[in-house]
Amino acid sequence: MKQIDKDRFHSKSMANSYDEMCQLLVPGYDLMQDALIDILKFNGLKNIVLLDLGAGSGILIEKILNKFPHATCYYLDYSDDFMSVAQEKLEKYGDRVTYIQSDFGGDWESKITINPNVITSMSAIHHLSNGNKKKLYEKCHNILEKGGWFFNIDEMKTISEEAHLKSLYYWIYHAQKQKETLSDDLLDSYNGWMEKFDSWKKRNVDNIYLPKSEGDDVHESFLVQVDWLNEIGFVETDIFCKYFLWCMIGGKKK
């Protein structure tokens, strides 16, 4: 199946500009990641073994490695281009990072030698069908150490359809207004991303009511997804942070 939305940023040029453009164009990008780090500190997690699903350029892993000097991380992504960018960025951390190239449907868990006590994902799981989202959550619960935490930072529907549509329009507004803040050397990267973003708008706003398939932006309510976590067996589940479309849900393995 051609995964239009899932692959929209997977090129060398997009991977190279990912960190700067995501922090610029995604509302609350650093807010969400910083909130996650605060939660880990609050819960007293020190010897962190983290698995980042759809780790992309490695931006979250780099933050974790800097904030937690004894942490080790599994990087999981299927993109050659993003893995290349991440390996260059994270090279200075040596064997604190283990790289696994796989999509979520692959046998990636067989390559994990030490069970993680933290599993994270950002802007990746929403490309799965709802059935496969739940299967992935179950897989994460199974592989987590007891007492470990799972967090998904992602695009999610909110309580009403009207509010969800408003959150989509807010992202468009936010992305467009960033052009006013840019220096000339960033304009080419910005324009390249906005070309992709215009296609995203057509699929997800102009044609919001058309059916979505695996690989598209398959948005589901954060309330529904927290219910799934409860059903699977996670405890202390919550929506820990929310900024318009972007939500951080998660829970602990008992």
Protein backbone atom coordinates (compact mmCIF):
# COMPACT_ATOMS: atom_id res chain seq x y z
CA MET A 1 0.00 0.00 0.00
CA LYS A 2 1.30 3.47 -0.86
CA GLN A 3 1.63 5.31 2.43
CA ILE A 4 1.19 8.90 1.35
CA ASP A 5 1.15 10.75 4.67
CA LYS A 6 3.58 8.44 6.44
CA ASP A 7 6.31 8.99 3.87
CA ARG A 8 5.75 12.65 3.13
CA PHE A 9 8.93 13.87 4.89
CA HIS A 10 11.15 10.89 4.06
CA SER A 11 13.87 12.32 1.86
CA LYS A 12 17.45 13.30 2.60
CA SER A 13 16.72 17.02 2.38
CA MET A 14 13.71 16.73 4.69
CA ALA A 15 15.63 14.59 7.18
CA ASN A 16 18.50 17.08 7.28
CA SER A 17 16.18 20.00 8.10
CA TYR A 18 13.83 18.02 10.36
CA ASP A 19 14.93 19.32 13.77
CA GLU A 20 14.80 22.98 12.90
CA MET A 21 11.59 22.81 10.89
CA CYS A 22 9.69 20.64 13.40
CA GLN A 23 10.58 22.94 16.27
CA LEU A 24 9.43 25.85 14.13
CA LEU A 25 6.30 24.44 12.50
CA VAL A 26 4.81 21.97 15.00
CA PRO A 27 2.86 23.77 17.75
CA GLY A 28 4.16 22.85 21.19
CA TYR A 29 6.93 20.59 19.88
CA ASP A 30 9.49 21.38 22.58
CA LEU A 31 6.74 21.82 25.18
CA MET A 32 5.72 18.18 24.75
CA GLN A 33 9.24 16.77 24.85
CA ASP A 34 10.21 18.89 27.85
CA ALA A 35 7.06 17.78 29.69
CA LEU A 36 8.02 14.15 29.06
CA ILE A 37 11.48 14.74 30.52
CA ASP A 38 9.93 16.41 33.59
CA ILE A 39 7.67 13.39 34.12
CA LEU A 40 10.64 11.02 33.98
CA LYS A 41 12.50 13.15 36.52
CA PHE A 42 9.44 13.36 38.78
CA ASN A 43 9.06 9.59 38.77
CA GLY A 44 12.68 9.14 39.81
CA LEU A 45 13.77 7.24 36.72
CA LYS A 46 17.56 7.33 36.61
CA ASN A 47 19.01 4.26 34.90
CA ILE A 48 16.80 4.71 31.89
CA VAL A 49 16.65 2.18 29.08
CA LEU A 50 14.54 3.96 26.49
CA LEU A 51 12.99 2.71 23.26
CA ASP A 52 11.93 5.48 20.88
CA LEU A 53 9.48 4.30 18.22
CA GLY A 54 9.70 6.20 14.94
CA ALA A 55 12.74 8.03 16.28
CA GLY A 56 13.36 10.03 13.10
CA SER A 57 16.28 12.43 13.38
CA GLY A 58 16.99 11.35 16.97
CA ILE A 59 16.06 14.70 18.50
CA LEU A 60 14.20 13.22 21.50
CA ILE A 61 16.88 10.59 22.12
CA GLU A 62 19.54 13.31 22.17
CA LYS A 63 17.58 15.24 24.80
CA ILE A 64 17.21 12.11 26.95
CA LEU A 65 20.91 11.24 26.70
CA ASN A 66 21.85 14.79 27.73
CA LYS A 67 19.41 15.00 30.64
CA PHE A 68 20.08 11.48 31.97
CA PRO A 69 23.83 10.72 31.81
CA HIS A 70 23.37 7.00 32.55
CA ALA A 71 20.55 6.45 30.05
CA THR A 72 20.83 4.11 27.09
CA CYS A 73 18.47 4.15 24.13
CA TYR A 74 17.09 2.02 21.35
CA TYR A 75 16.49 3.99 18.17
CA LEU A 76 13.79 2.45 15.96
CA ASP A 77 12.85 3.78 12.53
CA TYR A 78 12.44 2.35 9.04
CA SER A 79 13.81 5.31 7.05
CA ASP A 80 17.36 5.08 5.66
CA ASP A 81 17.59 8.86 5.39
CA PHE A 82 16.47 9.58 8.93
CA MET A 83 18.66 6.86 10.39
CA SER A 84 21.67 8.30 8.58
CA VAL A 85 20.99 11.76 10.02
CA ALA A 86 20.43 10.32 13.50
CA GLN A 87 23.61 8.23 13.45
CA GLU A 88 25.67 11.28 12.57
CA LYS A 89 24.01 13.35 15.29
CA LEU A 90 24.25 10.68 18.00
CA GLU A 91 27.70 9.34 17.11
CA LYS A 92 29.25 11.12 20.10
CA TYR A 93 27.15 8.96 22.46
CA GLY A 94 28.79 5.77 21.24
CA ASP A 95 27.28 2.52 22.47
CA ARG A 96 24.62 4.31 24.50
CA VAL A 97 22.48 4.11 21.34
CA THR A 98 21.44 0.89 19.58
CA TYR A 99 19.90 1.29 16.11
CA ILE A 100 17.07 -0.91 14.85
CA GLN A 101 15.75 -0.40 11.32
CA SER A 102 12.17 -1.61 11.12
CA ASP A 103 8.62 -0.43 10.71
CA PHE A 104 6.17 -1.03 13.53
CA GLY A 105 4.90 -4.24 11.96
CA GLY A 106 8.34 -5.85 11.85
CA ASP A 107 10.00 -8.20 14.32
CA TRP A 108 11.88 -5.36 16.01
CA GLU A 109 11.30 -6.63 19.53
CA SER A 110 13.52 -9.66 18.86
CA LYS A 111 16.47 -7.26 18.53
CA ILE A 112 16.00 -5.81 22.00
CA THR A 113 18.38 -7.43 24.48
CA ILE A 114 17.51 -5.37 27.57
CA ASN A 115 13.85 -4.62 28.17
CA PRO A 116 13.19 -0.87 28.25
CA ASN A 117 11.75 0.90 31.28
CA VAL A 118 10.61 3.80 29.09
CA ILE A 119 8.99 3.60 25.65
CA THR A 120 8.29 6.80 23.74
CA SER A 121 6.96 7.79 20.36
CA MET A 122 6.33 11.16 18.77
CA SER A 123 4.39 11.91 15.59
CA ALA A 124 4.45 8.35 14.29
CA ILE A 125 1.73 6.06 15.66
CA HIS A 126 -1.12 8.09 14.14
CA HIS A 127 -0.16 6.63 10.75
CA LEU A 128 -1.39 3.20 11.89
CA SER A 129 -4.96 1.99 11.58
CA ASN A 130 -6.77 1.98 14.90
CA GLY A 131 -6.49 -1.78 15.15
CA ASN A 132 -2.74 -1.62 14.63
CA LYS A 133 -2.37 1.26 17.08
CA LYS A 134 -3.87 -0.92 19.78
CA LYS A 135 -1.70 -3.90 18.78
CA LEU A 136 1.39 -1.72 19.07
CA TYR A 137 0.30 -0.51 22.51
CA GLU A 138 -0.09 -4.15 23.56
CA LYS A 139 3.37 -4.97 22.21
CA CYS A 140 4.80 -2.04 24.18
CA HIS A 141 3.12 -3.23 27.37
CA ASN A 142 4.52 -6.72 26.87
CA ILE A 143 8.11 -5.58 26.34
CA LEU A 144 8.22 -2.95 29.10
CA GLU A 145 9.89 -3.72 32.41
CA LYS A 146 7.49 -3.79 35.35
CA GLY A 147 7.14 -0.26 36.65
CA GLY A 148 8.13 1.12 33.26
CA TRP A 149 6.35 3.91 31.42
CA PHE A 150 4.92 4.28 27.93
CA PHE A 151 4.26 7.69 26.34
CA ASN A 152 2.83 8.58 22.95
CA ILE A 153 3.09 12.20 21.79
CA ASP A 154 0.99 12.48 18.68
CA GLU A 155 -1.75 14.09 16.63
CA MET A 156 -5.08 13.09 18.20
CA LYS A 157 -8.71 14.02 18.00
CA THR A 158 -10.18 15.84 20.95
CA ILE A 159 -13.61 15.71 22.63
CA SER A 160 -15.70 17.12 19.76
CA GLU A 161 -15.40 17.08 15.98
CA GLU A 162 -15.69 20.88 15.93
CA ALA A 163 -12.75 21.28 18.30
CA HIS A 164 -10.71 18.76 16.31
CA LEU A 165 -11.28 20.73 13.10
CA LYS A 166 -10.30 23.93 14.92
CA SER A 167 -7.05 22.29 16.05
CA LEU A 168 -6.24 21.41 12.43
CA TYR A 169 -6.86 25.00 11.35
CA TYR A 170 -4.67 26.21 14.20
CA TRP A 171 -1.75 24.15 12.90
CA ILE A 172 -2.16 25.76 9.46
CA TYR A 173 -2.27 29.22 11.05
CA HIS A 174 0.78 28.47 13.21
CA ALA A 175 2.85 27.12 10.31
CA GLN A 176 2.00 30.01 7.99
CA LYS A 177 2.83 32.74 10.48
CA GLN A 178 6.32 31.33 11.12
CA LYS A 179 7.48 32.71 7.77
CA GLU A 180 7.51 36.17 9.33
CA THR A 181 10.21 35.07 11.79
CA LEU A 182 12.59 33.37 9.34
CA SER A 183 16.03 34.45 8.23
CA ASP A 184 16.74 34.22 4.49
CA ASP A 185 18.89 31.09 4.87
CA LEU A 186 15.91 29.10 6.17
CA LEU A 187 13.41 30.10 3.49
CA ASP A 188 14.23 27.26 1.08
CA SER A 189 13.76 24.63 3.80
CA TYR A 190 10.56 26.31 4.98
CA ASN A 191 9.11 26.46 1.46
CA GLY A 192 9.94 22.79 0.87
CA TRP A 193 8.17 21.79 4.04
CA MET A 194 5.18 24.00 3.30
CA GLU A 195 4.73 22.30 -0.09
CA LYS A 196 4.30 19.03 1.79
CA PHE A 197 2.13 20.75 4.35
CA ASP A 198 -0.23 22.02 1.64
CA SER A 199 -0.79 18.41 0.57
CA TRP A 200 -1.42 17.49 4.22
CA LYS A 201 -4.05 20.27 4.40
CA LYS A 202 -5.80 18.99 1.29
CA ARG A 203 -6.04 15.45 2.69
CA ASN A 204 -6.78 16.22 6.32
CA VAL A 205 -8.76 19.46 6.27
CA ASP A 206 -10.30 19.97 2.83
CA ASN A 207 -11.17 16.25 2.63
CA ILE A 208 -11.47 15.56 6.35
CA TYR A 209 -14.49 13.27 5.99
CA LEU A 210 -12.99 10.97 3.37
CA PRO A 211 -12.00 7.51 4.69
CA LYS A 212 -8.41 7.11 5.89
CA SER A 213 -6.21 4.04 5.37
CA GLU A 214 -3.08 2.66 7.01
CA GLY A 215 -0.26 5.12 6.32
CA ASP A 216 -2.51 8.19 6.22
CA ASP A 217 -2.99 10.53 9.18
CA VAL A 218 -5.49 8.31 11.02
CA HIS A 219 -6.48 10.56 13.90
CA GLU A 220 -8.26 9.01 16.88
CA SER A 221 -9.52 10.60 20.10
CA PHE A 222 -7.11 10.77 23.02
CA LEU A 223 -9.98 9.56 25.23
CA VAL A 224 -10.41 6.42 23.14
CA GLN A 225 -6.69 5.75 23.15
CA VAL A 226 -6.39 6.17 26.92
CA ASP A 227 -9.23 3.65 27.25
CA TRP A 228 -7.19 1.23 25.14
CA LEU A 229 -4.22 1.66 27.48
CA ASN A 230 -6.46 0.87 30.44
CA GLU A 231 -7.86 -2.23 28.74
CA ILE A 232 -4.34 -3.47 27.97
CA GLY A 233 -3.33 -3.19 31.62
CA PHE A 234 -1.52 0.12 31.96
CA VAL A 235 -2.12 1.99 35.22
CA GLU A 236 -1.84 5.68 36.13
CA THR A 237 -2.97 6.45 32.58
CA ASP A 238 -3.59 10.05 31.65
CA ILE A 239 -3.29 12.76 29.06
CA PHE A 240 -0.21 14.40 30.51
CA CYS A 241 0.05 17.34 28.13
CA LYS A 242 -2.08 18.79 25.32
CA TYR A 243 -1.61 21.64 22.88
CA PHE A 244 -4.35 21.81 20.24
CA LEU A 245 -3.91 18.71 18.00
CA TRP A 246 -0.88 17.45 19.91
CA CYS A 247 -1.42 15.19 22.92
CA MET A 248 0.82 13.17 25.22
CA ILE A 249 -0.92 10.10 26.60
CA GLY A 250 0.65 7.29 28.54
CA GLY A 251 0.67 4.90 31.43
CA LYS A 252 2.72 2.65 33.66
CA LYS A 253 3.15 -1.11 33.57
CA LYS A 254 2.07 -2.48 36.92
